Amino acid sequence: RYPTSRYTPVAVSEWGEILESRGSYISAAQIYENASSILEDRSVRENLLYKAILLYEKSGNVDTMYNNYFRNFERFQTEFPDSPRLIALTFKAAAGREALKDFTTAKVLYEKVISLHKRLGAAATVETATSAAKAQMILGDYKKKFYEYIKIIAPVEENLKKKEGLLKEALADYTAAAKYRISDVTTEATFRMGEMFEHHRDAIMTSERPSELTAEQLEEYNYLLEEQAYPFEEKAISIHESNVKKTVEEGIYNLWVRKSYERLSMLVPVKYKREEAGKPYTGDLSANIPDDPDIYNNRGMTFRENGEFRKAEEDFKRSIALKPDFSSAVLNLGILYELYSGKFEDALKNYKEYVKLGGDRKEVLSWIDMLEKRTGGKQ
């Protein structure tokens, strides 16, 4: 009734907050929405409309949420096109359309998130960069799904061309997502690129063979396919290795880095397949534990799995201090040094000590040989 009164914004906020506290989110949203249409102060109108949009989303009423959300989202982007909040709202709108299987609109909105972030320039924040990076990642995922759907079957050349085109486009999106340097997004994008190269290797090897080939010609054809597929495996290895380097060089160890370690253990087992000795600790990691070398060793394994490498090192060393001839802890400390700390000389010492103590894992000898070559000679 009194839109120009200086008391009106306060009264509206208090009224809306009372409704919010009672769980009447839609009613509160309607209050904010109506007030945002009539008040004069632009910043107050922006705040109220923003709160209305969030409350429509929070209401959880599926029947009304999307219509109300998108109606006010359209109004927000028209009235406040330069608001940093628009990026977060656009991302939410894209996710909403995606949930409704409206991928065409979702794609347009995700692209808009990226363009809005670029437009901010120096005013961009970590939050807006995160939204843009995630949007770029999702666009890559869309292309990846189409890419994986295409099989290299007759007409082989036509389908191969389509598949290679989508591979290039998806990789471009993932590369762009990684460049935002948001660690969770960067590592996921990197893993996805490695995954795509592996897929392309397999797609080539399982592609349809010409039916008219003789047995000898088929053997030659298969050999040529292997030659075409091998470089993609090499690229996959290189990409995954760039992900695990983030652990050694930056201390980053999350789901996607862990997945890259897992893939490398399959792709290059002699270099990355390492099985620790013991069993993961299931107790409270922060609780005091008895001076038992087995318990310290097992807890060290769990700390390592959680990415708490310093604590893992301390537990393995404590286990060895309690039992100097405990080969399991010596081995596990070597694995920690080699794969997760990049301390190759220390890893080599531990592996040699493990053999000296009578450790029965024969593969450790090949690890020693590899590390001796890597560190420039025998110690």
Protein backbone atom coordinates (compact mmCIF):
# COMPACT_ATOMS: atom_id res chain seq x y z
CA ARG A 1 0.00 0.00 0.00
CA TYR A 2 2.91 2.36 0.73
CA PRO A 3 5.65 1.40 -1.75
CA THR A 4 7.60 4.66 -1.27
CA SER A 5 7.69 4.49 2.52
CA ARG A 6 11.13 3.85 4.01
CA TYR A 7 9.50 1.41 6.45
CA THR A 8 7.96 -0.80 3.79
CA PRO A 9 11.06 -2.92 2.93
CA VAL A 10 11.60 -3.70 6.63
CA ALA A 11 7.95 -4.62 7.13
CA VAL A 12 7.95 -6.85 4.05
CA SER A 13 11.13 -8.62 5.18
CA GLU A 14 9.79 -9.20 8.69
CA TRP A 15 6.47 -10.48 7.38
CA GLY A 16 8.22 -12.81 4.94
CA GLU A 17 10.60 -14.07 7.62
CA ILE A 18 7.67 -14.92 9.90
CA LEU A 19 6.10 -16.98 7.12
CA GLU A 20 9.46 -18.64 6.38
CA SER A 21 9.88 -19.60 10.06
CA ARG A 22 6.50 -21.33 9.89
CA GLY A 23 7.51 -23.27 6.79
CA SER A 24 5.09 -21.33 4.57
CA TYR A 25 7.67 -20.92 1.83
CA ILE A 26 5.27 -20.31 -1.05
CA SER A 27 3.37 -17.65 0.90
CA ALA A 28 6.63 -15.96 1.85
CA ALA A 29 7.81 -16.13 -1.76
CA GLN A 30 4.58 -14.52 -2.94
CA ILE A 31 5.04 -11.68 -0.45
CA TYR A 32 8.61 -11.07 -1.66
CA GLU A 33 7.61 -11.39 -5.31
CA ASN A 34 4.75 -8.91 -5.05
CA ALA A 35 6.83 -6.41 -3.09
CA SER A 36 9.66 -6.65 -5.62
CA SER A 37 7.25 -5.42 -8.29
CA ILE A 38 6.22 -2.24 -6.56
CA LEU A 39 9.10 -0.97 -4.42
CA GLU A 40 11.29 1.76 -5.88
CA ASP A 41 14.76 0.89 -4.57
CA ARG A 42 16.43 -1.29 -7.21
CA SER A 43 18.73 -3.19 -4.83
CA VAL A 44 15.80 -3.95 -2.49
CA ARG A 45 13.74 -5.23 -5.43
CA GLU A 46 16.63 -7.42 -6.55
CA ASN A 47 17.07 -8.89 -3.06
CA LEU A 48 13.38 -9.61 -2.65
CA LEU A 49 12.96 -11.19 -6.06
CA TYR A 50 16.06 -13.31 -5.46
CA LYS A 51 14.66 -14.51 -2.13
CA ALA A 52 11.32 -15.27 -3.78
CA ILE A 53 12.98 -17.43 -6.43
CA LEU A 54 14.95 -19.40 -3.85
CA LEU A 55 11.87 -19.95 -1.70
CA TYR A 56 9.82 -21.23 -4.64
CA GLU A 57 12.59 -23.74 -5.17
CA LYS A 58 12.76 -24.57 -1.45
CA SER A 59 9.01 -25.18 -1.22
CA GLY A 60 9.42 -28.66 -2.68
CA ASN A 61 5.98 -28.43 -4.26
CA VAL A 62 6.78 -29.99 -7.62
CA ASP A 63 3.47 -28.92 -9.14
CA THR A 64 4.14 -25.21 -8.63
CA MET A 65 7.88 -24.93 -8.12
CA TYR A 66 9.04 -25.00 -11.73
CA ASN A 67 6.43 -22.60 -13.11
CA ASN A 68 6.99 -20.09 -10.32
CA TYR A 69 10.75 -20.47 -10.42
CA PHE A 70 11.08 -20.01 -14.16
CA ARG A 71 8.54 -17.19 -14.34
CA ASN A 72 10.52 -15.20 -11.79
CA PHE A 73 13.85 -16.29 -13.23
CA GLU A 74 12.83 -14.78 -16.59
CA ARG A 75 11.85 -11.58 -14.83
CA PHE A 76 15.11 -11.48 -12.87
CA GLN A 77 17.31 -11.82 -15.92
CA THR A 78 15.30 -9.09 -17.67
CA GLU A 79 15.34 -6.59 -14.80
CA PHE A 80 18.78 -7.36 -13.32
CA PRO A 81 20.94 -8.58 -16.23
CA ASP A 82 24.19 -7.45 -14.58
CA SER A 83 23.62 -9.08 -11.21
CA PRO A 84 26.27 -11.65 -10.15
CA ARG A 85 23.37 -13.64 -8.70
CA LEU A 86 22.09 -14.25 -12.20
CA ILE A 87 24.81 -16.84 -12.82
CA ALA A 88 23.75 -18.99 -9.86
CA LEU A 89 20.08 -18.63 -10.81
CA THR A 90 20.78 -19.50 -14.45
CA PHE A 91 22.70 -22.60 -13.38
CA LYS A 92 19.78 -23.66 -11.16
CA ALA A 93 17.36 -23.02 -14.01
CA ALA A 94 19.48 -25.16 -16.33
CA ALA A 95 19.56 -27.98 -13.78
CA GLY A 96 15.78 -27.68 -13.43
CA ARG A 97 15.21 -28.00 -17.17
CA GLU A 98 17.62 -30.92 -17.23
CA ALA A 99 15.60 -32.64 -14.49
CA LEU A 100 12.54 -32.24 -16.69
CA LYS A 101 14.44 -33.86 -19.61
CA ASP A 102 14.36 -30.57 -21.49
CA PHE A 103 17.99 -30.87 -22.57
CA THR A 104 17.69 -28.35 -25.38
CA THR A 105 16.76 -25.52 -23.01
CA ALA A 106 19.21 -26.77 -20.39
CA LYS A 107 22.04 -26.61 -22.92
CA VAL A 108 21.18 -23.02 -23.83
CA LEU A 109 21.09 -22.04 -20.16
CA TYR A 110 24.40 -23.73 -19.35
CA GLU A 111 25.96 -21.89 -22.28
CA LYS A 112 24.52 -18.68 -20.87
CA VAL A 113 26.15 -19.38 -17.49
CA ILE A 114 29.52 -19.50 -19.24
CA SER A 115 28.89 -16.29 -21.21
CA LEU A 116 27.66 -14.45 -18.10
CA HIS A 117 30.80 -15.44 -16.23
CA LYS A 118 33.02 -14.23 -19.07
CA ARG A 119 31.14 -10.94 -19.11
CA LEU A 120 31.99 -10.35 -15.43
CA GLY A 121 35.69 -10.13 -16.25
CA ALA A 122 37.69 -8.96 -13.24
CA ALA A 123 34.51 -8.93 -11.13
CA ALA A 124 34.23 -12.72 -11.38
CA THR A 125 34.40 -14.68 -8.13
CA VAL A 126 35.26 -18.24 -7.15
CA GLU A 127 31.54 -18.92 -6.94
CA THR A 128 30.80 -17.68 -10.46
CA ALA A 129 33.86 -19.50 -11.81
CA THR A 130 32.67 -22.72 -10.17
CA SER A 131 29.25 -22.40 -11.78
CA ALA A 132 30.82 -21.72 -15.18
CA ALA A 133 33.26 -24.62 -14.83
CA LYS A 134 30.46 -27.01 -13.88
CA ALA A 135 28.34 -25.77 -16.79
CA GLN A 136 31.22 -26.37 -19.21
CA MET A 137 31.69 -29.82 -17.70
CA ILE A 138 28.02 -30.69 -18.20
CA LEU A 139 28.13 -29.57 -21.83
CA GLY A 140 31.05 -31.95 -22.30
CA ASP A 141 29.04 -34.72 -20.66
CA TYR A 142 26.21 -34.16 -23.16
CA LYS A 143 28.59 -34.60 -26.08
CA LYS A 144 30.25 -37.58 -24.41
CA LYS A 145 26.91 -39.39 -24.23
CA PHE A 146 26.27 -38.83 -27.93
CA TYR A 147 29.82 -39.88 -28.69
CA GLU A 148 29.47 -43.16 -26.76
CA TYR A 149 26.16 -43.91 -28.47
CA ILE A 150 27.75 -44.00 -31.93
CA LYS A 151 29.24 -47.36 -32.89
CA ILE A 152 31.83 -47.86 -35.60
CA ILE A 153 29.67 -50.02 -37.82
CA ALA A 154 28.62 -49.82 -41.45
CA PRO A 155 28.88 -47.32 -42.93
CA VAL A 156 32.17 -47.42 -41.02
CA GLU A 157 33.80 -44.29 -42.45
CA GLU A 158 30.71 -42.18 -41.88
CA ASN A 159 30.22 -43.31 -38.28
CA LEU A 160 33.94 -43.01 -37.51
CA LYS A 161 33.89 -39.42 -38.78
CA LYS A 162 30.88 -38.60 -36.56
CA LYS A 163 32.50 -40.25 -33.55
CA GLU A 164 35.81 -38.47 -34.05
CA GLY A 165 34.02 -35.14 -34.40
CA LEU A 166 32.15 -35.61 -31.12
CA LEU A 167 35.34 -36.78 -29.44
CA LYS A 168 37.02 -33.53 -30.45
CA GLU A 169 34.07 -31.41 -29.29
CA ALA A 170 33.74 -33.14 -25.92
CA LEU A 171 37.47 -32.92 -25.28
CA ALA A 172 37.33 -29.19 -26.05
CA ASP A 173 34.58 -28.74 -23.43
CA TYR A 174 36.47 -30.76 -20.82
CA THR A 175 39.68 -28.86 -21.54
CA ALA A 176 37.82 -25.56 -21.11
CA ALA A 177 36.27 -26.81 -17.83
CA ALA A 178 39.70 -27.82 -16.51
CA LYS A 179 41.13 -24.36 -17.26
CA TYR A 180 38.93 -22.75 -14.60
CA ARG A 181 41.23 -24.47 -12.06
CA ILE A 182 38.42 -25.47 -9.72
CA SER A 183 40.07 -28.63 -8.38
CA ASP A 184 37.01 -30.91 -8.25
CA VAL A 185 35.95 -29.89 -11.76
CA THR A 186 39.49 -29.98 -13.15
CA THR A 187 40.15 -33.50 -11.88
CA GLU A 188 36.77 -34.77 -13.07
CA ALA A 189 37.26 -33.23 -16.51
CA THR A 190 40.74 -34.76 -16.71
CA PHE A 191 39.42 -38.18 -15.75
CA ARG A 192 36.63 -37.92 -18.34
CA MET A 193 39.18 -37.13 -21.06
CA GLY A 194 41.20 -40.19 -20.13
CA GLU A 195 38.01 -42.23 -20.09
CA MET A 196 37.13 -41.03 -23.59
CA PHE A 197 40.52 -41.98 -24.99
CA GLU A 198 40.12 -45.45 -23.52
CA HIS A 199 36.66 -45.70 -25.02
CA HIS A 200 37.98 -44.67 -28.43
CA ARG A 201 40.68 -47.33 -28.25
CA ASP A 202 38.04 -49.96 -27.50
CA ALA A 203 35.68 -48.59 -30.17
CA ILE A 204 38.37 -49.03 -32.81
CA MET A 205 39.20 -52.54 -31.69
CA THR A 206 35.53 -53.61 -31.66
CA SER A 207 34.61 -51.84 -34.90
CA GLU A 208 32.82 -53.78 -37.61
CA ARG A 209 35.12 -55.76 -39.91
CA PRO A 210 34.55 -56.00 -43.66
CA SER A 211 32.71 -59.26 -44.35
CA GLU A 212 34.62 -60.14 -47.51
CA LEU A 213 38.08 -60.51 -45.88
CA THR A 214 39.95 -63.80 -45.95
CA ALA A 215 41.46 -65.14 -42.71
CA GLU A 216 44.86 -63.77 -43.67
CA GLN A 217 43.44 -60.38 -44.63
CA LEU A 218 41.44 -60.26 -41.38
CA GLU A 219 44.60 -60.87 -39.38
CA GLU A 220 46.33 -58.02 -41.20
CA TYR A 221 43.25 -55.81 -40.75
CA ASN A 222 43.25 -56.49 -36.99
CA TYR A 223 46.92 -55.63 -36.80
CA LEU A 224 46.27 -52.29 -38.51
CA LEU A 225 43.45 -51.58 -36.06
CA GLU A 226 45.80 -52.21 -33.15
CA GLU A 227 48.20 -49.68 -34.62
CA GLN A 228 45.38 -47.13 -34.81
CA ALA A 229 44.10 -47.90 -31.30
CA TYR A 230 47.44 -47.88 -29.45
CA PRO A 231 48.02 -44.09 -29.56
CA PHE A 232 44.67 -43.55 -27.82
CA GLU A 233 45.75 -45.82 -24.97
CA GLU A 234 48.96 -43.80 -24.70
CA LYS A 235 46.91 -40.60 -24.56
CA ALA A 236 44.67 -42.09 -21.87
CA ILE A 237 47.71 -43.01 -19.78
CA SER A 238 49.18 -39.54 -20.19
CA ILE A 239 45.90 -37.86 -19.19
CA HIS A 240 45.40 -40.05 -16.11
CA GLU A 241 49.02 -39.48 -15.10
CA SER A 242 48.45 -35.73 -15.26
CA ASN A 243 45.61 -36.26 -12.78
CA VAL A 244 47.63 -38.31 -10.28
CA LYS A 245 50.44 -35.73 -10.46
CA LYS A 246 48.04 -33.42 -8.68
CA THR A 247 48.41 -35.65 -5.63
CA VAL A 248 52.20 -35.62 -5.67
CA GLU A 249 52.63 -31.96 -6.64
CA GLU A 250 49.55 -30.24 -5.18
CA GLY A 251 48.27 -32.60 -2.49
CA ILE A 252 44.93 -33.05 -4.28
CA TYR A 253 43.37 -36.47 -3.75
CA ASN A 254 39.66 -36.75 -4.46
CA LEU A 255 37.25 -39.17 -6.13
CA TRP A 256 38.48 -38.37 -9.65
CA VAL A 257 42.16 -38.60 -8.84
CA ARG A 258 41.47 -41.91 -7.10
CA LYS A 259 39.67 -43.13 -10.21
CA SER A 260 42.67 -42.17 -12.34
CA TYR A 261 44.91 -44.20 -10.03
CA GLU A 262 42.54 -47.14 -10.49
CA ARG A 263 42.61 -46.83 -14.28
CA LEU A 264 46.41 -46.58 -14.31
CA SER A 265 46.66 -49.74 -12.22
CA MET A 266 44.86 -51.48 -15.09
CA LEU A 267 46.63 -49.70 -17.95
CA VAL A 268 50.16 -49.78 -16.55
CA PRO A 269 50.13 -52.38 -13.76
CA VAL A 270 53.91 -52.66 -13.45
CA LYS A 271 54.05 -48.98 -12.57
CA TYR A 272 50.81 -48.39 -10.69
CA LYS A 273 49.31 -51.65 -9.43
CA ARG A 274 50.28 -51.80 -5.79
CA GLU A 275 48.38 -53.83 -3.20
CA GLU A 276 48.98 -52.85 0.40
CA ALA A 277 49.55 -55.47 3.09
CA GLY A 278 47.01 -55.54 5.90
CA LYS A 279 43.35 -54.65 6.19
CA PRO A 280 41.67 -51.24 6.44
CA TYR A 281 41.01 -49.89 9.91
CA THR A 282 37.30 -49.66 10.77
CA GLY A 283 37.48 -47.90 14.12
CA ASP A 284 37.36 -44.23 15.06
CA LEU A 285 40.31 -42.61 13.28
CA SER A 286 40.60 -39.86 15.89
CA ALA A 287 40.58 -42.17 18.93
CA ASN A 288 43.68 -43.25 20.82
CA ILE A 289 44.85 -46.72 19.84
CA PRO A 290 47.06 -49.24 21.66
CA ASP A 291 50.71 -49.69 20.74
CA ASP A 292 49.98 -52.49 18.33
CA PRO A 293 51.95 -52.55 15.03
CA ASP A 294 49.06 -54.20 13.18
CA ILE A 295 46.57 -51.55 14.28
CA TYR A 296 48.90 -48.70 13.33
CA ASN A 297 49.57 -50.32 9.95
CA ASN A 298 45.87 -50.84 9.26
CA ARG A 299 44.97 -47.31 10.32
CA GLY A 300 47.75 -46.01 8.08
CA MET A 301 46.13 -47.81 5.13
CA THR A 302 42.82 -46.09 5.87
CA PHE A 303 44.48 -42.68 6.22
CA ARG A 304 46.18 -43.28 2.86
CA GLU A 305 42.88 -44.21 1.23
CA ASN A 306 41.33 -41.02 2.64
CA GLY A 307 44.16 -38.93 1.20
CA GLU A 308 45.61 -38.09 4.64
CA PHE A 309 49.13 -39.00 3.58
CA ARG A 310 51.04 -37.36 6.42
CA LYS A 311 49.00 -39.26 9.00
CA ALA A 312 49.44 -42.46 6.99
CA GLU A 313 53.20 -41.97 6.98
CA GLU A 314 53.23 -41.35 10.73
CA ASP A 315 51.24 -44.52 11.40
CA PHE A 316 53.39 -46.71 9.15
CA LYS A 317 56.53 -45.34 10.81
CA ARG A 318 55.04 -45.91 14.27
CA SER A 319 54.18 -49.47 13.30
CA ILE A 320 57.78 -50.08 12.17
CA ALA A 321 59.13 -48.47 15.34
CA LEU A 322 57.05 -50.90 17.41
CA LYS A 323 58.15 -53.86 15.29
CA PRO A 324 61.23 -53.13 13.15
CA ASP A 325 60.92 -56.39 11.21
CA PHE A 326 57.25 -55.80 10.29
CA SER A 327 57.50 -56.23 6.53
CA SER A 328 53.87 -55.23 5.85
CA ALA A 329 54.32 -51.72 7.26
CA VAL A 330 57.65 -51.38 5.46
CA LEU A 331 55.98 -52.31 2.16
CA ASN A 332 53.04 -49.97 2.71
CA LEU A 333 55.34 -47.06 3.52
CA GLY A 334 57.21 -47.75 0.28
CA ILE A 335 53.96 -47.70 -1.72
CA LEU A 336 53.00 -44.42 -0.06
CA TYR A 337 56.34 -42.89 -0.97
CA GLU A 338 56.30 -44.15 -4.55
CA LEU A 339 52.75 -43.46 -5.70
CA TYR A 340 51.50 -40.65 -3.49
CA SER A 341 54.56 -38.65 -2.39
CA GLY A 342 56.92 -38.99 -5.35
CA LYS A 343 59.77 -39.94 -2.99
CA PHE A 344 61.22 -42.61 -5.23
CA GLU A 345 64.53 -43.07 -3.42
CA ASP A 346 62.73 -43.56 -0.10
CA ALA A 347 60.34 -45.99 -1.78
CA LEU A 348 63.28 -47.94 -3.18
CA LYS A 349 64.87 -48.20 0.27
CA ASN A 350 61.64 -49.54 1.73
CA TYR A 351 61.12 -52.09 -1.03
CA LYS A 352 64.68 -53.37 -0.57
CA GLU A 353 64.14 -53.54 3.18
CA TYR A 354 60.93 -55.49 2.58
CA VAL A 355 62.84 -58.09 0.53
CA LYS A 356 65.60 -58.20 3.17
CA LEU A 357 63.00 -58.93 5.85
CA GLY A 358 61.78 -61.93 3.87
CA GLY A 359 58.69 -60.37 2.31
CA ASP A 360 57.08 -62.92 -0.02
CA ARG A 361 55.72 -60.67 -2.79
CA LYS A 362 57.77 -61.48 -5.85
CA GLU A 363 56.48 -58.50 -7.82
CA VAL A 364 58.38 -56.19 -5.46
CA LEU A 365 61.59 -57.22 -7.24
CA SER A 366 60.28 -55.70 -10.48
CA TRP A 367 59.32 -52.53 -8.59
CA ILE A 368 62.87 -52.31 -7.29
CA ASP A 369 64.29 -52.78 -10.78
CA MET A 370 62.02 -50.06 -12.17
CA LEU A 371 62.86 -47.60 -9.40
CA GLU A 372 66.57 -48.22 -9.74
CA LYS A 373 66.29 -47.21 -13.39
CA ARG A 374 64.14 -44.25 -12.47
CA THR A 375 66.48 -42.94 -9.74
CA GLY A 376 69.59 -43.43 -11.85
CA GLY A 377 71.16 -46.55 -10.39
CA LYS A 378 71.40 -48.95 -7.49
CA GLN A 379 71.65 -47.69 -3.96
